[in-house]
């Protein structure tokens, strides 16, 4: 099984834990680095049939999405004051850059493409790589990638994590897979600063998708169905010109069929084909530099998880 990790999602989760406050004696922030490494180790141990891990990173915010919607992800919060935000942002991104650089010596493939997002890299991997894939993320956008070969492990689900596959899709989302993108376009995504159709909340959107099955069926409704939709002030808003533009915008931003695969696929395939192994000397030197004492003291038991990758 190939494990695909949404690294920005993981790093941000670690950033909001007490461990993120750790630093070296010289004051260099190190908590995110240690937390991410331990998290990767833990999730590989949870899924011992993993043979390869591909860590996917944002190479900056998606330029084409910002062209479609300039406010895309504009609300990301890193602190209370401008000074605190700038300081925290720098600390986090420096540690993420370090992780991207060093993960290969832990036998982890690490991929970043300029002006492309981790989500899109994962979508590419699901499209072109053989065999079963497990996506590690709490990002709901990833659920649209679920198939007979692709599952999603949500680390935050029910506090203990949950694997979501085709059989769990409706129970997890409240809509069918065919309805999912339409549902998401209707409600938007506050985590990415994407507004939905005003007045259309989660319950209404799910009810509409349950009845119509697909957003196109809703928008092309005729006869009594169209009369019923227009009779309700809430659902009639969907057909306002401005809100139809919102739906079109959201579909383009959220739907992975619009990803720039000509840029993504080569990067994913290159990472997949890369020959890696654990470089013990470099790993130990890295632990010494960052003062990860417990990792050094328990090195043989700590590193065995990464050494096992590649074994069928």
C-alpha atoms as a PDB file:
ATOM      1  CA  UNK A   1       0.000   0.000   0.000  1.00  0.00           C
ATOM      2  CA  UNK A   2       1.149   3.533  -0.796  1.00  0.00           C
ATOM      3  CA  UNK A   3       0.594   6.097   1.941  1.00  0.00           C
ATOM      4  CA  UNK A   4       0.020   9.684   0.767  1.00  0.00           C
ATOM      5  CA  UNK A   5       0.425  12.271   3.518  1.00  0.00           C
ATOM      6  CA  UNK A   6      -0.989  15.797   3.297  1.00  0.00           C
ATOM      7  CA  UNK A   7       2.047  17.352   4.959  1.00  0.00           C
ATOM      8  CA  UNK A   8       0.790  20.913   5.330  1.00  0.00           C
ATOM      9  CA  UNK A   9      -2.325  19.559   6.986  1.00  0.00           C
ATOM     10  CA  UNK A  10      -0.202  17.455   9.351  1.00  0.00           C
ATOM     11  CA  UNK A  11       2.287  20.229  10.132  1.00  0.00           C
ATOM     12  CA  UNK A  12      -0.509  22.690  10.916  1.00  0.00           C
ATOM     13  CA  UNK A  13      -2.129  20.191  13.273  1.00  0.00           C
ATOM     14  CA  UNK A  14       1.178  19.726  15.118  1.00  0.00           C
ATOM     15  CA  UNK A  15       1.704  23.508  15.144  1.00  0.00           C
ATOM     16  CA  UNK A  16      -1.444  23.902  17.262  1.00  0.00           C
ATOM     17  CA  UNK A  17      -0.280  21.471  19.967  1.00  0.00           C
ATOM     18  CA  UNK A  18       1.852  22.193  23.063  1.00  0.00           C
ATOM     19  CA  UNK A  19       4.712  20.211  21.518  1.00  0.00           C
ATOM     20  CA  UNK A  20       5.132  22.950  18.904  1.00  0.00           C
ATOM     21  CA  UNK A  21       6.653  25.179  21.606  1.00  0.00           C
ATOM     22  CA  UNK A  22       9.778  22.996  21.853  1.00  0.00           C
ATOM     23  CA  UNK A  23      13.084  24.500  20.775  1.00  0.00           C
ATOM     24  CA  UNK A  24      16.801  23.751  20.922  1.00  0.00           C
ATOM     25  CA  UNK A  25      19.010  25.222  23.649  1.00  0.00           C
ATOM     26  CA  UNK A  26      19.945  27.944  21.169  1.00  0.00           C
ATOM     27  CA  UNK A  27      16.248  28.842  20.784  1.00  0.00           C
ATOM     28  CA  UNK A  28      15.694  27.306  17.353  1.00  0.00           C
ATOM     29  CA  UNK A  29      12.060  26.072  17.068  1.00  0.00           C
ATOM     30  CA  UNK A  30      12.011  22.280  16.740  1.00  0.00           C
ATOM     31  CA  UNK A  31       8.646  21.070  18.041  1.00  0.00           C
ATOM     32  CA  UNK A  32       6.919  20.830  14.677  1.00  0.00           C
ATOM     33  CA  UNK A  33       9.818  18.811  13.233  1.00  0.00           C
ATOM     34  CA  UNK A  34       9.748  16.311  16.098  1.00  0.00           C
ATOM     35  CA  UNK A  35       5.965  16.160  16.203  1.00  0.00           C
ATOM     36  CA  UNK A  36       5.647  15.511  12.480  1.00  0.00           C
ATOM     37  CA  UNK A  37       8.300  12.779  12.514  1.00  0.00           C
ATOM     38  CA  UNK A  38       6.587  11.051  15.445  1.00  0.00           C
ATOM     39  CA  UNK A  39       3.207  11.391  13.744  1.00  0.00           C
ATOM     40  CA  UNK A  40       4.485   9.822  10.521  1.00  0.00           C
ATOM     41  CA  UNK A  41       6.080   7.016  12.517  1.00  0.00           C
ATOM     42  CA  UNK A  42       2.826   6.415  14.372  1.00  0.00           C
ATOM     43  CA  UNK A  43       0.624   6.283  11.288  1.00  0.00           C
ATOM     44  CA  UNK A  44       3.010   3.872   9.500  1.00  0.00           C
ATOM     45  CA  UNK A  45       2.895   1.616  12.564  1.00  0.00           C
ATOM     46  CA  UNK A  46      -0.900   1.800  12.469  1.00  0.00           C
ATOM     47  CA  UNK A  47      -0.858   0.560   8.860  1.00  0.00           C
ATOM     48  CA  UNK A  48       1.967  -2.012   8.685  1.00  0.00           C
ATOM     49  CA  UNK A  49       1.130  -2.998   5.089  1.00  0.00           C
ATOM     50  CA  UNK A  50       2.534   0.356   3.950  1.00  0.00           C
ATOM     51  CA  UNK A  51       5.374  -0.127   1.446  1.00  0.00           C
ATOM     52  CA  UNK A  52       5.950   3.480   0.346  1.00  0.00           C
ATOM     53  CA  UNK A  53       5.192   6.859   1.874  1.00  0.00           C
ATOM     54  CA  UNK A  54       4.923   9.973  -0.271  1.00  0.00           C
ATOM     55  CA  UNK A  55       4.866  13.237   1.668  1.00  0.00           C
ATOM     56  CA  UNK A  56       3.091  15.936  -0.361  1.00  0.00           C
ATOM     57  CA  UNK A  57       3.681  19.638   0.351  1.00  0.00           C
ATOM     58  CA  UNK A  58       2.188  22.927  -0.772  1.00  0.00           C
ATOM     59  CA  UNK A  59       4.518  24.809  -3.072  1.00  0.00           C
ATOM     60  CA  UNK A  60       2.644  27.997  -2.227  1.00  0.00           C
ATOM     61  CA  UNK A  61      -1.021  28.773  -2.742  1.00  0.00           C
ATOM     62  CA  UNK A  62      -2.457  27.710  -6.052  1.00  0.00           C
ATOM     63  CA  UNK A  63      -2.063  30.623  -8.483  1.00  0.00           C
ATOM     64  CA  UNK A  64      -4.885  29.512 -10.749  1.00  0.00           C
ATOM     65  CA  UNK A  65      -7.263  29.176  -7.793  1.00  0.00           C
ATOM     66  CA  UNK A  66      -6.378  32.681  -6.606  1.00  0.00           C
ATOM     67  CA  UNK A  67      -7.145  33.950 -10.102  1.00  0.00           C
ATOM     68  CA  UNK A  68     -10.555  32.307  -9.883  1.00  0.00           C
ATOM     69  CA  UNK A  69     -11.114  33.581  -6.319  1.00  0.00           C
ATOM     70  CA  UNK A  70      -8.635  36.134  -4.885  1.00  0.00           C
ATOM     71  CA  UNK A  71      -9.833  35.516  -1.303  1.00  0.00           C
ATOM     72  CA  UNK A  72      -8.949  31.820  -1.479  1.00  0.00           C
ATOM     73  CA  UNK A  73      -7.211  30.828   1.809  1.00  0.00           C
ATOM     74  CA  UNK A  74      -6.758  34.515   2.656  1.00  0.00           C
ATOM     75  CA  UNK A  75      -7.836  34.069   6.287  1.00  0.00           C
ATOM     76  CA  UNK A  76      -5.145  31.664   7.543  1.00  0.00           C
ATOM     77  CA  UNK A  77      -4.427  32.643  11.160  1.00  0.00           C
ATOM     78  CA  UNK A  78      -1.028  32.316  12.807  1.00  0.00           C
ATOM     79  CA  UNK A  79      -1.534  34.513  15.868  1.00  0.00           C
ATOM     80  CA  UNK A  80      -3.334  37.467  17.463  1.00  0.00           C
ATOM     81  CA  UNK A  81      -1.108  40.376  16.451  1.00  0.00           C
ATOM     82  CA  UNK A  82       0.676  41.089  13.188  1.00  0.00           C
ATOM     83  CA  UNK A  83       4.057  40.618  14.884  1.00  0.00           C
ATOM     84  CA  UNK A  84       2.979  37.299  16.424  1.00  0.00           C
ATOM     85  CA  UNK A  85       1.538  36.124  13.111  1.00  0.00           C
ATOM     86  CA  UNK A  86       4.728  36.932  11.220  1.00  0.00           C
ATOM     87  CA  UNK A  87       6.903  35.260  13.863  1.00  0.00           C
ATOM     88  CA  UNK A  88       4.788  32.097  14.048  1.00  0.00           C
ATOM     89  CA  UNK A  89       4.518  31.892  10.273  1.00  0.00           C
ATOM     90  CA  UNK A  90       8.294  32.051   9.910  1.00  0.00           C
ATOM     91  CA  UNK A  91       8.856  29.441  12.646  1.00  0.00           C
ATOM     92  CA  UNK A  92       6.376  27.019  11.103  1.00  0.00           C
ATOM     93  CA  UNK A  93       7.519  27.374   7.522  1.00  0.00           C
ATOM     94  CA  UNK A  94      11.215  27.078   8.386  1.00  0.00           C
ATOM     95  CA  UNK A  95      10.505  23.767  10.127  1.00  0.00           C
ATOM     96  CA  UNK A  96       8.385  22.562   7.213  1.00  0.00           C
ATOM     97  CA  UNK A  97      11.210  23.408   4.812  1.00  0.00           C
ATOM     98  CA  UNK A  98      13.609  21.416   6.994  1.00  0.00           C
ATOM     99  CA  UNK A  99      11.277  18.427   6.989  1.00  0.00           C
ATOM    100  CA  UNK A 100      10.882  18.502   3.215  1.00  0.00           C
ATOM    101  CA  UNK A 101      14.657  18.447   2.895  1.00  0.00           C
ATOM    102  CA  UNK A 102      15.380  15.645   5.381  1.00  0.00           C
ATOM    103  CA  UNK A 103      12.475  13.210   4.961  1.00  0.00           C
ATOM    104  CA  UNK A 104      14.236  11.235   2.178  1.00  0.00           C
ATOM    105  CA  UNK A 105      16.938  10.127   4.620  1.00  0.00           C
ATOM    106  CA  UNK A 106      14.104   8.557   6.654  1.00  0.00           C
ATOM    107  CA  UNK A 107      13.035   6.579   3.561  1.00  0.00           C
ATOM    108  CA  UNK A 108      10.120   8.974   2.970  1.00  0.00           C
ATOM    109  CA  UNK A 109       9.561  10.458  -0.491  1.00  0.00           C
ATOM    110  CA  UNK A 110       8.966  14.205  -0.249  1.00  0.00           C
ATOM    111  CA  UNK A 111       7.343  16.141  -3.105  1.00  0.00           C
ATOM    112  CA  UNK A 112       6.732  19.840  -3.654  1.00  0.00           C
ATOM    113  CA  UNK A 113       5.883  21.662  -6.892  1.00  0.00           C
ATOM    114  CA  UNK A 114       6.061  25.442  -7.143  1.00  0.00           C
ATOM    115  CA  UNK A 115       2.622  27.111  -6.997  1.00  0.00           C
ATOM    116  CA  UNK A 116       0.875  23.738  -6.644  1.00  0.00           C
ATOM    117  CA  UNK A 117      -0.847  22.389  -3.546  1.00  0.00           C
ATOM    118  CA  UNK A 118      -0.407  19.145  -1.635  1.00  0.00           C
ATOM    119  CA  UNK A 119      -4.053  18.268  -2.326  1.00  0.00           C
ATOM    120  CA  UNK A 120      -3.429  18.324  -6.056  1.00  0.00           C
ATOM    121  CA  UNK A 121      -0.264  16.234  -5.757  1.00  0.00           C
ATOM    122  CA  UNK A 122      -2.272  13.641  -3.845  1.00  0.00           C
ATOM    123  CA  UNK A 123      -4.990  13.718  -6.522  1.00  0.00           C
ATOM    124  CA  UNK A 124      -2.290  13.080  -9.115  1.00  0.00           C
ATOM    125  CA  UNK A 125      -0.892  10.156  -7.119  1.00  0.00           C
ATOM    126  CA  UNK A 126      -4.337   8.606  -6.806  1.00  0.00           C
ATOM    127  CA  UNK A 127      -4.796   8.918 -10.564  1.00  0.00           C
ATOM    128  CA  UNK A 128      -1.484   7.531 -11.843  1.00  0.00           C
ATOM    129  CA  UNK A 129       0.053   5.250  -9.202  1.00  0.00           C
ATOM    130  CA  UNK A 130      -0.744   1.523  -9.129  1.00  0.00           C
ATOM    131  CA  UNK A 131      -2.283  -0.435  -6.271  1.00  0.00           C
ATOM    132  CA  UNK A 132      -4.050   0.670  -3.131  1.00  0.00           C
ATOM    133  CA  UNK A 133      -3.507   4.127  -1.666  1.00  0.00           C
ATOM    134  CA  UNK A 134      -4.238   5.583   1.764  1.00  0.00           C
ATOM    135  CA  UNK A 135      -4.497   9.368   2.107  1.00  0.00           C
ATOM    136  CA  UNK A 136      -3.618  10.744   5.549  1.00  0.00           C
ATOM    137  CA  UNK A 137      -5.424  14.054   6.108  1.00  0.00           C
ATOM    138  CA  UNK A 138      -8.288  15.751   7.931  1.00  0.00           C
ATOM    139  CA  UNK A 139      -9.100  17.810   4.808  1.00  0.00           C
ATOM    140  CA  UNK A 140     -12.638  17.047   3.620  1.00  0.00           C
ATOM    141  CA  UNK A 141     -11.755  17.869   0.018  1.00  0.00           C
ATOM    142  CA  UNK A 142      -9.780  14.623  -0.084  1.00  0.00           C
ATOM    143  CA  UNK A 143     -12.927  12.526   0.336  1.00  0.00           C
ATOM    144  CA  UNK A 144     -13.824  13.048  -3.324  1.00  0.00           C
ATOM    145  CA  UNK A 145     -10.776  10.907  -4.216  1.00  0.00           C
ATOM    146  CA  UNK A 146     -12.117   7.793  -2.475  1.00  0.00           C
ATOM    147  CA  UNK A 147     -12.474   4.815  -4.806  1.00  0.00           C
ATOM    148  CA  UNK A 148     -12.056   1.047  -4.832  1.00  0.00           C
ATOM    149  CA  UNK A 149      -8.288   1.686  -4.585  1.00  0.00           C
ATOM    150  CA  UNK A 150      -8.239   4.852  -2.433  1.00  0.00           C
ATOM    151  CA  UNK A 151      -9.213   5.346   1.213  1.00  0.00           C
ATOM    152  CA  UNK A 152      -8.775   8.315   3.541  1.00  0.00           C
ATOM    153  CA  UNK A 153      -7.456   8.099   7.082  1.00  0.00           C
ATOM    154  CA  UNK A 154      -8.727  11.065   9.094  1.00  0.00           C
ATOM    155  CA  UNK A 155      -6.503  11.340  12.208  1.00  0.00           C
ATOM    156  CA  UNK A 156      -8.934  13.645  14.006  1.00  0.00           C
ATOM    157  CA  UNK A 157     -12.070  11.590  13.489  1.00  0.00           C
ATOM    158  CA  UNK A 158     -13.574  10.560  16.835  1.00  0.00           C
ATOM    159  CA  UNK A 159     -10.191  11.462  18.422  1.00  0.00           C
ATOM    160  CA  UNK A 160      -8.731   8.067  17.503  1.00  0.00           C
ATOM    161  CA  UNK A 161      -8.745   8.322  13.721  1.00  0.00           C
ATOM    162  CA  UNK A 162     -10.888   6.562  11.154  1.00  0.00           C
ATOM    163  CA  UNK A 163     -10.392   5.008   7.723  1.00  0.00           C
ATOM    164  CA  UNK A 164     -13.075   6.147   5.287  1.00  0.00           C
ATOM    165  CA  UNK A 165     -13.715   4.098   2.158  1.00  0.00           C
ATOM    166  CA  UNK A 166     -16.493   3.610  -0.348  1.00  0.00           C
ATOM    167  CA  UNK A 167     -18.667   1.694   2.102  1.00  0.00           C
ATOM    168  CA  UNK A 168     -18.359   4.449   4.730  1.00  0.00           C
ATOM    169  CA  UNK A 169     -18.784   7.395   2.369  1.00  0.00           C
ATOM    170  CA  UNK A 170     -22.477   8.113   2.916  1.00  0.00           C
ATOM    171  CA  UNK A 171     -22.351   7.544   6.676  1.00  0.00           C
ATOM    172  CA  UNK A 172     -19.379   9.895   6.912  1.00  0.00           C
ATOM    173  CA  UNK A 173     -20.613  12.700   4.650  1.00  0.00           C
ATOM    174  CA  UNK A 174     -24.393  12.377   4.584  1.00  0.00           C
ATOM    175  CA  UNK A 175     -24.409  12.403   0.770  1.00  0.00           C
ATOM    176  CA  UNK A 176     -23.489  10.009  -2.012  1.00  0.00           C
ATOM    177  CA  UNK A 177     -20.137  10.285  -3.730  1.00  0.00           C
ATOM    178  CA  UNK A 178     -21.873  11.519  -6.900  1.00  0.00           C
ATOM    179  CA  UNK A 179     -23.459  14.326  -4.857  1.00  0.00           C
ATOM    180  CA  UNK A 180     -20.381  15.297  -2.866  1.00  0.00           C
ATOM    181  CA  UNK A 181     -18.856  18.049  -5.015  1.00  0.00           C
ATOM    182  CA  UNK A 182     -22.264  19.678  -5.501  1.00  0.00           C
ATOM    183  CA  UNK A 183     -22.903  19.575  -1.772  1.00  0.00           C
ATOM    184  CA  UNK A 184     -19.497  21.125  -1.076  1.00  0.00           C
ATOM    185  CA  UNK A 185     -20.076  23.830  -3.691  1.00  0.00           C
ATOM    186  CA  UNK A 186     -23.378  24.760  -2.046  1.00  0.00           C
ATOM    187  CA  UNK A 187     -22.018  25.073   1.512  1.00  0.00           C
ATOM    188  CA  UNK A 188     -18.472  26.294   0.773  1.00  0.00           C
ATOM    189  CA  UNK A 189     -15.489  25.675   3.034  1.00  0.00           C
ATOM    190  CA  UNK A 190     -14.706  28.093   5.853  1.00  0.00           C
ATOM    191  CA  UNK A 191     -11.277  26.508   6.399  1.00  0.00           C
ATOM    192  CA  UNK A 192     -10.237  27.722   2.935  1.00  0.00           C
ATOM    193  CA  UNK A 193     -12.251  30.968   3.115  1.00  0.00           C
ATOM    194  CA  UNK A 194     -14.628  29.729   0.407  1.00  0.00           C
ATOM    195  CA  UNK A 195     -18.149  31.075   0.861  1.00  0.00           C
ATOM    196  CA  UNK A 196     -21.185  29.022  -0.120  1.00  0.00           C
ATOM    197  CA  UNK A 197     -24.626  30.053  -1.311  1.00  0.00           C
ATOM    198  CA  UNK A 198     -26.128  32.390   1.335  1.00  0.00           C
ATOM    199  CA  UNK A 199     -28.866  30.691   3.358  1.00  0.00           C
ATOM    200  CA  UNK A 200     -27.950  27.180   2.203  1.00  0.00           C
ATOM    201  CA  UNK A 201     -26.612  25.386   5.252  1.00  0.00           C
ATOM    202  CA  UNK A 202     -25.446  21.848   5.766  1.00  0.00           C
ATOM    203  CA  UNK A 203     -28.896  20.309   6.310  1.00  0.00           C
ATOM    204  CA  UNK A 204     -30.524  22.047   3.345  1.00  0.00           C
ATOM    205  CA  UNK A 205     -27.650  21.146   1.031  1.00  0.00           C
ATOM    206  CA  UNK A 206     -27.787  17.489   2.051  1.00  0.00           C
ATOM    207  CA  UNK A 207     -31.558  17.368   1.598  1.00  0.00           C
ATOM    208  CA  UNK A 208     -31.245  18.851  -1.880  1.00  0.00           C
ATOM    209  CA  UNK A 209     -28.526  16.415  -2.864  1.00  0.00           C
ATOM    210  CA  UNK A 210     -30.559  13.534  -1.469  1.00  0.00           C
ATOM    211  CA  UNK A 211     -33.478  14.508  -3.696  1.00  0.00           C
ATOM    212  CA  UNK A 212     -31.628  15.469  -6.869  1.00  0.00           C
ATOM    213  CA  UNK A 213     -28.554  13.222  -6.680  1.00  0.00           C
ATOM    214  CA  UNK A 214     -26.279  15.646  -8.523  1.00  0.00           C
ATOM    215  CA  UNK A 215     -25.907  19.426  -8.636  1.00  0.00           C
ATOM    216  CA  UNK A 216     -26.626  19.406 -12.384  1.00  0.00           C
ATOM    217  CA  UNK A 217     -29.998  17.760 -11.765  1.00  0.00           C
ATOM    218  CA  UNK A 218     -30.823  20.485  -9.241  1.00  0.00           C
ATOM    219  CA  UNK A 219     -29.793  23.336 -11.540  1.00  0.00           C
ATOM    220  CA  UNK A 220     -31.649  21.816 -14.513  1.00  0.00           C
ATOM    221  CA  UNK A 221     -34.853  21.031 -12.576  1.00  0.00           C
ATOM    222  CA  UNK A 222     -38.068  21.492 -14.561  1.00  0.00           C
ATOM    223  CA  UNK A 223     -41.813  21.508 -13.954  1.00  0.00           C
ATOM    224  CA  UNK A 224     -43.046  20.934 -10.411  1.00  0.00           C
ATOM    225  CA  UNK A 225     -39.539  20.466  -9.070  1.00  0.00           C
ATOM    226  CA  UNK A 226     -38.472  23.887 -10.358  1.00  0.00           C
ATOM    227  CA  UNK A 227     -41.683  25.484  -9.018  1.00  0.00           C
ATOM    228  CA  UNK A 228     -41.018  24.021  -5.561  1.00  0.00           C
ATOM    229  CA  UNK A 229     -37.444  25.289  -5.594  1.00  0.00           C
ATOM    230  CA  UNK A 230     -38.490  28.790  -6.635  1.00  0.00           C
ATOM    231  CA  UNK A 231     -41.358  28.878  -4.123  1.00  0.00           C
ATOM    232  CA  UNK A 232     -38.920  28.662  -1.215  1.00  0.00           C
ATOM    233  CA  UNK A 233     -37.017  31.901  -0.628  1.00  0.00           C
ATOM    234  CA  UNK A 234     -34.060  29.856   0.590  1.00  0.00           C
ATOM    235  CA  UNK A 235     -33.694  27.572  -2.415  1.00  0.00           C
ATOM    236  CA  UNK A 236     -34.748  30.235  -4.913  1.00  0.00           C
ATOM    237  CA  UNK A 237     -31.534  32.099  -4.033  1.00  0.00           C
ATOM    238  CA  UNK A 238     -29.534  29.321  -5.678  1.00  0.00           C
ATOM    239  CA  UNK A 239     -30.744  30.520  -9.078  1.00  0.00           C
ATOM    240  CA  UNK A 240     -29.717  34.146  -8.597  1.00  0.00           C
ATOM    241  CA  UNK A 241     -27.037  35.032 -11.126  1.00  0.00           C
ATOM    242  CA  UNK A 242     -24.518  35.883  -8.398  1.00  0.00           C
ATOM    243  CA  UNK A 243     -25.042  32.562  -6.626  1.00  0.00           C
ATOM    244  CA  UNK A 244     -24.828  30.552  -9.825  1.00  0.00           C
ATOM    245  CA  UNK A 245     -21.403  32.166 -10.252  1.00  0.00           C
ATOM    246  CA  UNK A 246     -20.546  31.128  -6.670  1.00  0.00           C
ATOM    247  CA  UNK A 247     -21.435  27.523  -7.489  1.00  0.00           C
ATOM    248  CA  UNK A 248     -19.351  27.578 -10.655  1.00  0.00           C
ATOM    249  CA  UNK A 249     -16.421  29.144  -8.817  1.00  0.00           C
ATOM    250  CA  UNK A 250     -16.601  26.670  -5.940  1.00  0.00           C
ATOM    251  CA  UNK A 251     -16.835  23.695  -8.256  1.00  0.00           C
ATOM    252  CA  UNK A 252     -13.726  24.799 -10.120  1.00  0.00           C
ATOM    253  CA  UNK A 253     -11.754  25.477  -6.924  1.00  0.00           C
ATOM    254  CA  UNK A 254     -12.789  22.286  -5.115  1.00  0.00           C
ATOM    255  CA  UNK A 255     -13.030  19.732  -7.916  1.00  0.00           C
ATOM    256  CA  UNK A 256      -9.752  17.929  -8.572  1.00  0.00           C
ATOM    257  CA  UNK A 257     -10.621  17.347 -12.203  1.00  0.00           C
ATOM    258  CA  UNK A 258      -9.339  20.894 -12.798  1.00  0.00           C
ATOM    259  CA  UNK A 259      -5.893  20.254 -11.269  1.00  0.00           C
ATOM    260  CA  UNK A 260      -2.877  20.939 -13.483  1.00  0.00           C
ATOM    261  CA  UNK A 261      -1.848  17.333 -13.970  1.00  0.00           C
ATOM    262  CA  UNK A 262       0.718  18.162 -16.646  1.00  0.00           C
ATOM    263  CA  UNK A 263       2.786  19.740 -13.845  1.00  0.00           C
ATOM    264  CA  UNK A 264       1.845  17.300 -11.096  1.00  0.00           C
ATOM    265  CA  UNK A 265       2.129  13.856 -12.678  1.00  0.00           C
ATOM    266  CA  UNK A 266       5.851  14.011 -13.532  1.00  0.00           C
ATOM    267  CA  UNK A 267       6.736  15.079  -9.975  1.00  0.00           C
ATOM    268  CA  UNK A 268       4.699  12.269  -8.442  1.00  0.00           C
ATOM    269  CA  UNK A 269       6.082   9.612 -10.776  1.00  0.00           C
ATOM    270  CA  UNK A 270       9.641  10.778 -10.139  1.00  0.00           C
ATOM    271  CA  UNK A 271       9.127  10.468  -6.396  1.00  0.00           C
ATOM    272  CA  UNK A 272       7.459   7.076  -6.748  1.00  0.00           C
ATOM    273  CA  UNK A 273      10.367   5.689  -8.737  1.00  0.00           C
ATOM    274  CA  UNK A 274      13.075   7.168  -6.480  1.00  0.00           C
ATOM    275  CA  UNK A 275      15.227   4.579  -4.700  1.00  0.00           C
ATOM    276  CA  UNK A 276      15.526   5.427  -0.996  1.00  0.00           C
ATOM    277  CA  UNK A 277      16.835   3.866   2.193  1.00  0.00           C
ATOM    278  CA  UNK A 278      17.360   4.991   5.786  1.00  0.00           C
ATOM    279  CA  UNK A 279      20.698   6.775   6.085  1.00  0.00           C
ATOM    280  CA  UNK A 280      21.486   6.032   9.738  1.00  0.00           C
ATOM    281  CA  UNK A 281      24.518   8.278   9.963  1.00  0.00           C
ATOM    282  CA  UNK A 282      22.662  11.279   8.593  1.00  0.00           C
ATOM    283  CA  UNK A 283      19.621  10.561  10.758  1.00  0.00           C
ATOM    284  CA  UNK A 284      21.741  10.343  13.918  1.00  0.00           C
ATOM    285  CA  UNK A 285      23.576  13.554  13.003  1.00  0.00           C
ATOM    286  CA  UNK A 286      20.197  15.186  12.438  1.00  0.00           C
ATOM    287  CA  UNK A 287      18.945  14.069  15.863  1.00  0.00           C
ATOM    288  CA  UNK A 288      22.116  15.411  17.487  1.00  0.00           C
ATOM    289  CA  UNK A 289      21.786  18.773  15.707  1.00  0.00           C
ATOM    290  CA  UNK A 290      18.166  19.188  16.789  1.00  0.00           C
ATOM    291  CA  UNK A 291      18.757  17.722  20.260  1.00  0.00           C
ATOM    292  CA  UNK A 292      16.156  14.951  19.918  1.00  0.00           C
ATOM    293  CA  UNK A 293      17.677  13.023  22.823  1.00  0.00           C
ATOM    294  CA  UNK A 294      14.976  10.378  23.240  1.00  0.00           C
ATOM    295  CA  UNK A 295      15.129   9.496  19.537  1.00  0.00           C
ATOM    296  CA  UNK A 296      18.869   8.945  19.884  1.00  0.00           C
ATOM    297  CA  UNK A 297      18.609   6.942  23.082  1.00  0.00           C
ATOM    298  CA  UNK A 298      16.029   4.618  21.517  1.00  0.00           C
ATOM    299  CA  UNK A 299      17.405   4.803  18.013  1.00  0.00           C
ATOM    300  CA  UNK A 300      17.163   1.128  16.977  1.00  0.00           C
ATOM    301  CA  UNK A 301      13.543   0.771  18.072  1.00  0.00           C
ATOM    302  CA  UNK A 302      12.656   4.246  16.809  1.00  0.00           C
ATOM    303  CA  UNK A 303      14.032   3.814  13.279  1.00  0.00           C
ATOM    304  CA  UNK A 304      12.793   0.270  12.643  1.00  0.00           C
ATOM    305  CA  UNK A 305       9.442   1.561  11.363  1.00  0.00           C
ATOM    306  CA  UNK A 306      11.143   3.526   8.592  1.00  0.00           C
ATOM    307  CA  UNK A 307      13.540   0.682   7.803  1.00  0.00           C
ATOM    308  CA  UNK A 308      10.575  -1.610   7.176  1.00  0.00           C
ATOM    309  CA  UNK A 309       9.250   0.494   4.279  1.00  0.00           C
ATOM    310  CA  UNK A 310       9.664  -1.202   0.931  1.00  0.00           C
ATOM    311  CA  UNK A 311       9.211  -4.694   2.340  1.00  0.00           C
ATOM    312  CA  UNK A 312       6.294  -6.518   0.767  1.00  0.00           C
END
